[in-house]
Amino acid sequence: GKGGKGGKGGKGGKGASTWSSGYDNSKSKGSWNKGSSKGGKAASRVSEGFQLQLSNIPAQVRWQDLKDVFSELFDVTFTSVDGHGNAVLELSNERDALRIIQKYNGGNLNGHPIRVRWM
């Protein structure tokens, strides 16, 4: 797929970004409350893994926030956010990508129900 703007690399700040369970009564959808973090440098790149699109994310969410949160549980290779409610999350393996779709599609991100799907 097509790359995008965003950054690659380490953590972009010390935010209190965490997913918490308790959103959905049957499928354990995730709920995430984002703390603040500082911006980072954007870079263009070519996709090297399995890409997911996140929709309806709050405008204040940055690529570093997504990378910090998802890297704790999954092998994240790239994240980007367009500032208009969309983000790209790239994983090194299909298993992690499928787990993210199952767990977080329909989940809650700072009060916004989000959609996670293949790009």
Foldseek 3Di string as FASTA:
>chain_A
DAWDKADFDDAQADKPWEWDFDFDDPQRAIAIEIGDGDDDHIDGDDDDAFKKKKFQAALRDAQNSVCVHLVVPFAWGTKGDDSPGMMMTGGHDPVSLVVCQSHHAQYHYNNTRMHMGGD
